[in-house]
N, C-alpha and C. Protein backbone atom coordinates (compact mmCIF):
# COMPACT_ATOMS: atom_id res chain seq x y z
N UNK A 1 6.20 5.78 29.31
CA UNK A 1 6.90 4.81 30.23
C UNK A 1 8.16 4.44 29.27
N UNK A 2 9.26 3.61 29.81
CA UNK A 2 9.90 3.28 29.04
C UNK A 2 9.78 1.69 28.88
N UNK A 3 10.29 1.11 27.53
CA UNK A 3 9.45 0.11 27.29
C UNK A 3 10.31 -1.26 27.61
N UNK A 4 11.63 -0.89 27.87
CA UNK A 4 12.40 -1.81 28.74
C UNK A 4 12.07 -2.31 29.81
N UNK A 5 11.88 -0.78 30.71
CA UNK A 5 11.02 -1.70 31.74
C UNK A 5 9.95 -1.85 31.78
N UNK A 6 9.09 -1.54 30.64
CA UNK A 6 8.18 -2.61 30.77
C UNK A 6 7.90 -4.04 29.94
N UNK A 7 9.05 -4.49 29.57
CA UNK A 7 9.52 -5.36 28.76
C UNK A 7 8.30 -6.08 27.87
N UNK A 8 7.72 -4.63 26.68
CA UNK A 8 7.11 -4.89 25.32
C UNK A 8 8.46 -4.81 24.41
N UNK A 9 7.77 -4.85 23.32
CA UNK A 9 8.43 -4.60 22.16
C UNK A 9 7.64 -3.20 21.53
N UNK A 10 8.29 -2.51 20.71
CA UNK A 10 7.81 -1.08 20.29
C UNK A 10 7.72 -1.66 18.65
N UNK A 11 6.70 -0.91 17.96
CA UNK A 11 6.89 -1.09 16.66
C UNK A 11 6.27 0.25 15.89
N UNK A 12 6.81 0.55 14.66
CA UNK A 12 6.35 1.72 14.45
C UNK A 12 5.87 1.60 12.59
N UNK A 13 4.93 1.92 12.02
CA UNK A 13 4.90 1.80 10.65
C UNK A 13 5.51 3.08 9.69
N UNK A 14 6.02 2.60 8.89
CA UNK A 14 6.68 3.78 8.07
C UNK A 14 5.40 4.47 7.43
N UNK A 15 5.32 5.89 7.64
CA UNK A 15 4.06 6.50 7.03
C UNK A 15 4.32 6.56 5.72
N UNK A 16 5.20 6.45 4.65
CA UNK A 16 5.11 6.69 3.62
C UNK A 16 4.69 5.04 2.86
N UNK A 17 4.94 4.37 3.76
CA UNK A 17 4.36 2.78 3.00
C UNK A 17 2.87 2.73 3.33
N UNK A 18 2.15 3.78 4.25
CA UNK A 18 0.65 3.46 4.15
C UNK A 18 -0.37 4.57 3.76
N UNK A 19 0.64 6.39 3.33
CA UNK A 19 0.01 7.41 2.93
C UNK A 19 -0.53 6.91 1.90
N UNK A 20 -1.88 7.70 2.01
CA UNK A 20 -2.87 7.56 0.82
C UNK A 20 -2.31 7.78 -0.19
N UNK A 21 -1.73 9.12 -0.49
CA UNK A 21 -1.54 9.25 -1.74
C UNK A 21 0.04 8.45 -2.42
N UNK A 22 0.28 7.38 -1.67
CA UNK A 22 1.16 6.73 -2.18
C UNK A 22 0.66 5.37 -3.23
N UNK A 23 -0.43 5.29 -2.70
CA UNK A 23 -1.41 4.24 -3.19
C UNK A 23 -2.22 4.57 -3.73
N UNK A 24 -3.30 5.82 -4.01
CA UNK A 24 -3.59 6.31 -5.12
C UNK A 24 -3.15 6.82 -6.33
N UNK A 25 -1.68 6.57 -6.39
CA UNK A 25 -0.89 6.70 -7.88
C UNK A 25 -1.61 6.26 -9.05
N UNK A 26 -2.28 4.84 -8.91
CA UNK A 26 -2.79 4.45 -10.19
C UNK A 26 -3.67 5.23 -10.75
N UNK A 27 -4.98 5.93 -10.31
CA UNK A 27 -5.65 6.86 -10.37
C UNK A 27 -4.96 8.18 -11.47
N UNK A 28 -4.07 8.64 -11.16
CA UNK A 28 -3.50 10.01 -11.46
C UNK A 28 -2.54 9.33 -12.58
N UNK A 29 -2.68 8.41 -13.12
CA UNK A 29 -1.34 7.85 -14.03
C UNK A 29 -2.36 8.08 -15.61
N UNK A 30 -1.24 9.17 -16.37
CA UNK A 30 -1.51 9.46 -17.97
C UNK A 30 -1.50 8.52 -19.02
N UNK A 31 -2.52 8.39 -19.93
CA UNK A 31 -2.84 7.39 -20.79
C UNK A 31 -1.57 6.30 -21.42
N UNK A 32 -0.21 7.09 -21.76
CA UNK A 32 1.06 7.07 -22.21
C UNK A 32 1.43 6.22 -20.52
N UNK A 33 1.45 5.82 -19.75
CA UNK A 33 1.71 5.51 -18.59
C UNK A 33 2.73 3.93 -18.76
N UNK A 34 3.57 3.22 -18.57
CA UNK A 34 4.37 2.09 -19.31
C UNK A 34 3.28 0.85 -18.78
N UNK A 35 2.20 0.80 -17.68
CA UNK A 35 1.40 -0.33 -17.69
C UNK A 35 0.63 -0.25 -18.52
N UNK A 36 -0.40 0.79 -19.69
CA UNK A 36 -0.72 0.75 -20.26
C UNK A 36 -0.07 0.13 -21.87
N UNK A 37 0.87 -0.37 -22.14
CA UNK A 37 1.47 -1.10 -22.75
C UNK A 37 0.80 -2.07 -23.36
N UNK A 38 0.51 -1.54 -24.74
CA UNK A 38 -0.45 -3.17 -25.43
C UNK A 38 -1.85 -2.99 -25.16
N UNK A 39 -2.57 -1.83 -23.86
CA UNK A 39 -4.27 -2.00 -23.67
C UNK A 39 -4.32 -1.00 -24.48
N UNK A 40 -5.17 -1.23 -25.21
CA UNK A 40 -6.20 -0.25 -26.20
C UNK A 40 -7.92 -0.12 -25.33
N UNK A 41 -8.06 1.59 -25.75
CA UNK A 41 -9.47 1.61 -24.98
C UNK A 41 -9.64 2.54 -23.73
N UNK A 42 -10.20 3.12 -23.65
CA UNK A 42 -10.65 3.91 -22.13
C UNK A 42 -11.02 2.33 -21.21
N UNK A 43 -12.06 1.94 -21.72
CA UNK A 43 -12.27 1.23 -20.33
C UNK A 43 -11.32 -0.02 -20.07
N UNK A 44 -10.62 -0.38 -21.04
CA UNK A 44 -9.54 -1.45 -20.45
C UNK A 44 -8.51 -0.80 -19.56
N UNK A 45 -8.11 0.46 -20.43
CA UNK A 45 -7.26 1.13 -19.57
C UNK A 45 -8.08 1.58 -17.86
N UNK A 46 -9.19 2.12 -17.94
CA UNK A 46 -9.35 1.94 -16.19
C UNK A 46 -9.14 0.93 -15.95
N UNK A 47 -10.08 -0.27 -16.35
CA UNK A 47 -9.40 -1.86 -15.49
C UNK A 47 -8.04 -1.99 -15.23
N UNK A 48 -7.25 -1.55 -16.19
CA UNK A 48 -5.88 -1.57 -15.14
C UNK A 48 -5.39 -0.54 -14.17
N UNK A 49 -5.62 0.58 -14.55
CA UNK A 49 -6.00 1.63 -13.54
C UNK A 49 -6.70 1.23 -11.84
N UNK A 50 -7.63 0.30 -12.20
CA UNK A 50 -8.52 -0.49 -11.07
C UNK A 50 -7.82 -0.88 -10.43
N UNK A 51 -7.16 -2.10 -11.00
CA UNK A 51 -6.42 -3.37 -10.43
C UNK A 51 -5.50 -3.21 -9.77
N UNK A 52 -4.58 -2.16 -10.94
CA UNK A 52 -3.54 -1.20 -9.83
C UNK A 52 -3.67 -0.42 -8.56
N UNK A 53 -4.45 0.08 -8.59
CA UNK A 53 -5.55 0.80 -7.42
C UNK A 53 -5.58 -0.31 -6.41
N UNK A 54 -6.38 -1.37 -6.91
CA UNK A 54 -6.53 -2.32 -5.46
C UNK A 54 -5.02 -3.39 -4.85
N UNK A 55 -4.28 -3.59 -5.91
CA UNK A 55 -3.41 -4.38 -5.51
C UNK A 55 -2.26 -3.22 -4.36
N UNK A 56 -1.98 -2.13 -4.68
CA UNK A 56 -1.49 -1.32 -4.47
C UNK A 56 -2.26 -0.79 -3.09
N UNK A 57 -3.51 -1.01 -2.46
CA UNK A 57 -4.54 -0.90 -1.26
C UNK A 57 -3.91 -2.16 -0.67
N UNK A 58 -3.73 -3.00 -1.49
CA UNK A 58 -3.91 -4.35 -0.57
C UNK A 58 -2.23 -4.51 0.08
N UNK A 59 -1.35 -4.38 -0.81
CA UNK A 59 -0.04 -4.04 -0.24
C UNK A 59 0.11 -3.09 0.85
N UNK A 60 -0.71 -2.27 1.07
CA UNK A 60 -0.52 -1.41 2.50
C UNK A 60 -1.35 -2.16 3.34
N UNK A 61 -2.28 -3.00 2.72
CA UNK A 61 -2.81 -3.80 4.04
C UNK A 61 -2.26 -4.31 4.66
N UNK A 62 -1.72 -5.14 4.18
CA UNK A 62 -1.10 -6.07 4.53
C UNK A 62 0.14 -5.91 5.56
N UNK A 63 1.07 -4.76 4.78
CA UNK A 63 2.38 -4.43 5.38
C UNK A 63 1.68 -3.74 6.58
N UNK A 64 0.58 -3.46 6.85
CA UNK A 64 0.09 -2.94 8.51
C UNK A 64 -0.23 -4.17 8.94
N UNK A 65 -0.76 -5.16 8.61
CA UNK A 65 -1.16 -6.45 9.19
C UNK A 65 0.15 -7.37 9.81
N UNK A 66 0.72 -7.27 9.13
CA UNK A 66 2.16 -7.92 9.25
C UNK A 66 2.81 -7.05 10.33
N UNK A 67 2.85 -6.01 10.11
CA UNK A 67 3.36 -4.97 11.40
C UNK A 67 3.17 -5.12 12.75
N UNK A 68 1.48 -5.21 12.52
CA UNK A 68 0.83 -5.59 13.82
C UNK A 68 1.38 -7.07 14.44
N UNK A 69 1.30 -7.98 13.74
CA UNK A 69 1.88 -9.59 13.89
C UNK A 69 3.10 -9.56 14.41
N UNK A 70 3.94 -8.62 14.38
CA UNK A 70 5.56 -8.96 14.38
C UNK A 70 5.71 -8.26 15.71
N UNK A 71 4.56 -7.32 15.91
CA UNK A 71 4.95 -6.60 17.66
C UNK A 71 4.05 -6.45 18.41
N UNK A 72 3.00 -7.67 18.23
CA UNK A 72 2.08 -8.10 19.59
C UNK A 72 2.55 -8.72 20.59
N UNK A 73 1.53 -8.86 21.61
CA UNK A 73 2.65 -9.46 22.74
C UNK A 73 1.90 -10.96 22.91
N UNK A 74 2.77 -11.90 22.62
CA UNK A 74 2.09 -13.31 22.51
C UNK A 74 1.62 -13.59 23.91
């Protein structure tokens, strides 16, 4: 049905922003990645990777949540 006839808002999510491969990037960082400047040791690099991965997942979740809030019917 046509959204104009139903008087509803249509919203679409950008698949590139919610793609799992986009927020799994920190797991594939090599040890010479710029995020590791000044970080010494494998455990410290793993902590940086884990924190970056968590941040990326949170950003994707916030994007989805904000999109739903923007287009819900009040």
